[in-house]
């Protein structure tokens, strides 16, 4: 909601080992900024399909928040 200045965005980008927790399992990820306009558009459309009925959507999908779009990829161990 607050774009690149938002707490969640800043913390996930600064975290050396971010993870997604689902059904009690921890999945290490890398948070990769999405810079391709086409991919940002695809993410936006997917978000609208999932949350389009929510009153909060317009606050999340403002032009100034779209640069905070991230792609979560599985973290690879070295």
N, C-alpha and C. Protein backbone atom coordinates (compact mmCIF):
# COMPACT_ATOMS: atom_id res chain seq x y z
N UNK A 1 0.83 -1.19 0.00
CA UNK A 1 0.00 0.00 0.00
C UNK A 1 0.87 1.25 0.00
N UNK A 2 2.02 1.18 0.61
CA UNK A 2 2.89 2.36 0.70
C UNK A 2 4.06 2.30 -0.28
N UNK A 3 4.04 1.36 -1.19
CA UNK A 3 5.08 1.28 -2.20
C UNK A 3 6.43 0.94 -1.61
N UNK A 4 7.48 1.43 -2.27
CA UNK A 4 8.84 1.09 -1.85
C UNK A 4 9.19 1.69 -0.49
N UNK A 5 8.42 2.66 -0.02
CA UNK A 5 8.66 3.25 1.29
C UNK A 5 7.97 2.50 2.40
N UNK A 6 7.15 1.51 2.05
CA UNK A 6 6.40 0.76 3.05
C UNK A 6 7.28 -0.17 3.86
N UNK A 7 6.83 -0.43 5.07
CA UNK A 7 7.61 -1.27 5.99
C UNK A 7 7.83 -2.67 5.45
N UNK A 8 6.78 -3.32 4.95
CA UNK A 8 6.92 -4.69 4.47
C UNK A 8 7.94 -4.77 3.34
N UNK A 9 7.84 -3.87 2.39
CA UNK A 9 8.77 -3.86 1.25
C UNK A 9 10.20 -3.67 1.73
N UNK A 10 10.42 -2.67 2.58
CA UNK A 10 11.78 -2.40 3.08
C UNK A 10 12.35 -3.60 3.84
N UNK A 11 11.51 -4.22 4.67
CA UNK A 11 12.00 -5.34 5.48
C UNK A 11 12.30 -6.57 4.63
N UNK A 12 11.44 -6.90 3.68
CA UNK A 12 11.70 -8.09 2.87
C UNK A 12 12.93 -7.90 1.98
N UNK A 13 13.16 -6.67 1.54
CA UNK A 13 14.34 -6.41 0.71
C UNK A 13 15.62 -6.41 1.54
N UNK A 14 15.52 -6.04 2.82
CA UNK A 14 16.71 -5.99 3.68
C UNK A 14 17.01 -7.34 4.33
N UNK A 15 16.03 -8.21 4.41
CA UNK A 15 16.20 -9.50 5.09
C UNK A 15 17.11 -10.40 4.26
N UNK A 16 18.13 -10.94 4.90
CA UNK A 16 19.07 -11.83 4.20
C UNK A 16 18.46 -13.20 3.93
N UNK A 17 17.40 -13.55 4.65
CA UNK A 17 16.79 -14.87 4.48
C UNK A 17 15.26 -14.80 4.60
N UNK A 18 14.59 -14.05 3.70
CA UNK A 18 13.13 -13.98 3.80
C UNK A 18 12.51 -15.35 3.51
N UNK A 19 11.30 -15.54 4.00
CA UNK A 19 10.62 -16.81 3.80
C UNK A 19 9.12 -16.60 3.76
N UNK A 20 8.45 -17.52 3.10
CA UNK A 20 7.00 -17.60 3.11
C UNK A 20 6.65 -18.78 4.01
N UNK A 21 5.69 -18.58 4.89
CA UNK A 21 5.24 -19.67 5.75
C UNK A 21 3.83 -20.04 5.33
N UNK A 22 3.65 -21.29 4.94
CA UNK A 22 2.35 -21.78 4.49
C UNK A 22 2.10 -23.16 5.09
N UNK A 23 0.95 -23.31 5.70
CA UNK A 23 0.57 -24.58 6.32
C UNK A 23 1.65 -25.11 7.25
N UNK A 24 2.24 -24.19 8.02
CA UNK A 24 3.24 -24.57 9.00
C UNK A 24 4.63 -24.84 8.45
N UNK A 25 4.79 -24.75 7.15
CA UNK A 25 6.10 -24.98 6.52
C UNK A 25 6.75 -23.64 6.17
N UNK A 26 8.05 -23.58 6.33
CA UNK A 26 8.82 -22.38 5.99
C UNK A 26 9.52 -22.61 4.67
N UNK A 27 9.30 -21.70 3.73
CA UNK A 27 9.90 -21.80 2.40
C UNK A 27 10.79 -20.58 2.16
N UNK A 28 12.12 -20.76 2.18
CA UNK A 28 13.02 -19.64 1.91
C UNK A 28 12.82 -19.11 0.49
N UNK A 29 12.84 -17.79 0.36
CA UNK A 29 12.62 -17.14 -0.94
C UNK A 29 13.63 -16.02 -1.14
N UNK A 30 13.67 -15.57 -2.39
CA UNK A 30 14.37 -14.33 -2.76
C UNK A 30 13.29 -13.38 -3.24
N UNK A 31 13.33 -12.14 -2.81
CA UNK A 31 12.38 -11.13 -3.26
C UNK A 31 13.05 -10.30 -4.36
N UNK A 32 12.59 -10.50 -5.58
CA UNK A 32 13.20 -9.87 -6.75
C UNK A 32 12.30 -8.76 -7.27
N UNK A 33 12.80 -7.53 -7.36
CA UNK A 33 11.97 -6.45 -7.91
C UNK A 33 11.58 -6.75 -9.36
N UNK A 34 10.32 -6.49 -9.68
CA UNK A 34 9.82 -6.67 -11.04
C UNK A 34 9.89 -5.32 -11.73
N UNK A 35 10.69 -5.26 -12.80
CA UNK A 35 10.88 -3.99 -13.50
C UNK A 35 10.25 -3.99 -14.88
N UNK A 36 9.82 -5.14 -15.34
CA UNK A 36 9.20 -5.24 -16.65
C UNK A 36 7.73 -4.83 -16.56
N UNK A 37 7.33 -3.81 -17.31
CA UNK A 37 5.96 -3.30 -17.26
C UNK A 37 4.93 -4.38 -17.57
N UNK A 38 5.24 -5.27 -18.49
CA UNK A 38 4.32 -6.34 -18.85
C UNK A 38 4.09 -7.28 -17.67
N UNK A 39 5.17 -7.61 -16.97
CA UNK A 39 5.04 -8.50 -15.82
C UNK A 39 4.29 -7.82 -14.68
N UNK A 40 4.56 -6.54 -14.45
CA UNK A 40 3.81 -5.80 -13.43
C UNK A 40 2.32 -5.81 -13.79
N UNK A 41 2.00 -5.65 -15.07
CA UNK A 41 0.61 -5.71 -15.52
C UNK A 41 -0.02 -7.07 -15.27
N UNK A 42 0.74 -8.13 -15.48
CA UNK A 42 0.22 -9.48 -15.24
C UNK A 42 -0.05 -9.70 -13.75
N UNK A 43 0.84 -9.21 -12.92
CA UNK A 43 0.66 -9.32 -11.47
C UNK A 43 -0.57 -8.52 -11.04
N UNK A 44 -0.70 -7.33 -11.59
CA UNK A 44 -1.85 -6.48 -11.27
C UNK A 44 -3.16 -7.17 -11.64
N UNK A 45 -3.21 -7.77 -12.83
CA UNK A 45 -4.43 -8.46 -13.27
C UNK A 45 -4.73 -9.67 -12.38
N UNK A 46 -3.71 -10.41 -11.99
CA UNK A 46 -3.91 -11.55 -11.10
C UNK A 46 -4.43 -11.09 -9.74
N UNK A 47 -3.89 -9.99 -9.25
CA UNK A 47 -4.34 -9.43 -7.98
C UNK A 47 -5.81 -9.01 -8.07
N UNK A 48 -6.17 -8.37 -9.18
CA UNK A 48 -7.56 -7.96 -9.38
C UNK A 48 -8.50 -9.15 -9.44
N UNK A 49 -8.06 -10.23 -10.11
CA UNK A 49 -8.90 -11.42 -10.17
C UNK A 49 -9.14 -12.00 -8.78
N UNK A 50 -8.11 -11.99 -7.97
CA UNK A 50 -8.24 -12.59 -6.63
C UNK A 50 -8.94 -11.66 -5.64
N UNK A 51 -8.61 -10.38 -5.67
CA UNK A 51 -9.10 -9.46 -4.64
C UNK A 51 -9.99 -8.34 -5.17
N UNK A 52 -10.43 -8.45 -6.41
CA UNK A 52 -11.19 -7.38 -7.05
C UNK A 52 -12.40 -6.89 -6.29
N UNK A 53 -13.01 -7.74 -5.47
CA UNK A 53 -14.18 -7.34 -4.71
C UNK A 53 -13.88 -6.58 -3.43
N UNK A 54 -12.60 -6.49 -3.08
CA UNK A 54 -12.22 -5.82 -1.84
C UNK A 54 -12.21 -4.31 -1.99
N UNK A 55 -12.63 -3.63 -0.96
CA UNK A 55 -12.61 -2.16 -0.99
C UNK A 55 -11.19 -1.60 -0.89
N UNK A 56 -10.21 -2.44 -0.59
CA UNK A 56 -8.82 -2.00 -0.42
C UNK A 56 -8.01 -2.04 -1.72
N UNK A 57 -8.54 -2.65 -2.76
CA UNK A 57 -7.78 -2.83 -3.99
C UNK A 57 -7.27 -1.51 -4.57
N UNK A 58 -8.10 -0.50 -4.61
CA UNK A 58 -7.67 0.76 -5.22
C UNK A 58 -6.49 1.37 -4.48
N UNK A 59 -6.39 1.15 -3.18
CA UNK A 59 -5.25 1.67 -2.42
C UNK A 59 -3.97 0.90 -2.67
N UNK A 60 -4.11 -0.36 -3.05
CA UNK A 60 -2.94 -1.20 -3.30
C UNK A 60 -2.41 -1.01 -4.72
N UNK A 61 -3.30 -0.81 -5.66
CA UNK A 61 -2.90 -0.74 -7.08
C UNK A 61 -2.81 0.68 -7.62
N UNK A 62 -2.28 1.58 -6.83
CA UNK A 62 -2.05 2.95 -7.29
C UNK A 62 -0.77 2.98 -8.12
N UNK A 63 -0.69 3.87 -9.10
CA UNK A 63 0.53 3.94 -9.93
C UNK A 63 1.82 4.08 -9.10
N UNK A 64 1.74 4.79 -7.99
CA UNK A 64 2.96 4.99 -7.19
C UNK A 64 3.34 3.76 -6.37
N UNK A 65 2.46 2.78 -6.24
CA UNK A 65 2.81 1.57 -5.50
C UNK A 65 3.34 0.45 -6.41
N UNK A 66 3.06 0.53 -7.69
CA UNK A 66 3.44 -0.55 -8.60
C UNK A 66 4.95 -0.81 -8.67
N UNK A 67 5.82 0.21 -8.48
CA UNK A 67 7.26 -0.09 -8.47
C UNK A 67 7.69 -1.01 -7.32
N UNK A 68 6.81 -1.25 -6.36
CA UNK A 68 7.14 -2.15 -5.25
C UNK A 68 6.74 -3.59 -5.56
N UNK A 69 6.37 -3.87 -6.79
CA UNK A 69 6.00 -5.24 -7.16
C UNK A 69 7.23 -6.13 -7.06
N UNK A 70 7.08 -7.23 -6.34
CA UNK A 70 8.17 -8.19 -6.15
C UNK A 70 7.76 -9.56 -6.66
N UNK A 71 8.72 -10.29 -7.15
CA UNK A 71 8.51 -11.69 -7.51
C UNK A 71 9.26 -12.51 -6.46
N UNK A 72 8.54 -13.42 -5.82
CA UNK A 72 9.19 -14.31 -4.85
C UNK A 72 9.63 -15.57 -5.56
N UNK A 73 10.91 -15.83 -5.48
CA UNK A 73 11.49 -17.02 -6.11
C UNK A 73 12.06 -17.92 -5.03
N UNK A 74 12.03 -19.22 -5.25
CA UNK A 74 12.66 -20.11 -4.25
C UNK A 74 14.13 -19.72 -4.07
N UNK A 75 14.55 -19.68 -2.83
CA UNK A 75 15.95 -19.39 -2.54
C UNK A 75 16.77 -20.62 -2.87
N UNK A 76 17.92 -20.40 -3.43
CA UNK A 76 18.81 -21.53 -3.74
C UNK A 76 19.97 -21.50 -2.76
N UNK A 77 20.32 -22.64 -2.28
CA UNK A 77 21.46 -22.71 -1.37
C UNK A 77 22.75 -22.79 -2.18
N UNK A 78 23.78 -22.22 -1.64
CA UNK A 78 25.07 -22.19 -2.34
C UNK A 78 25.98 -23.24 -1.77
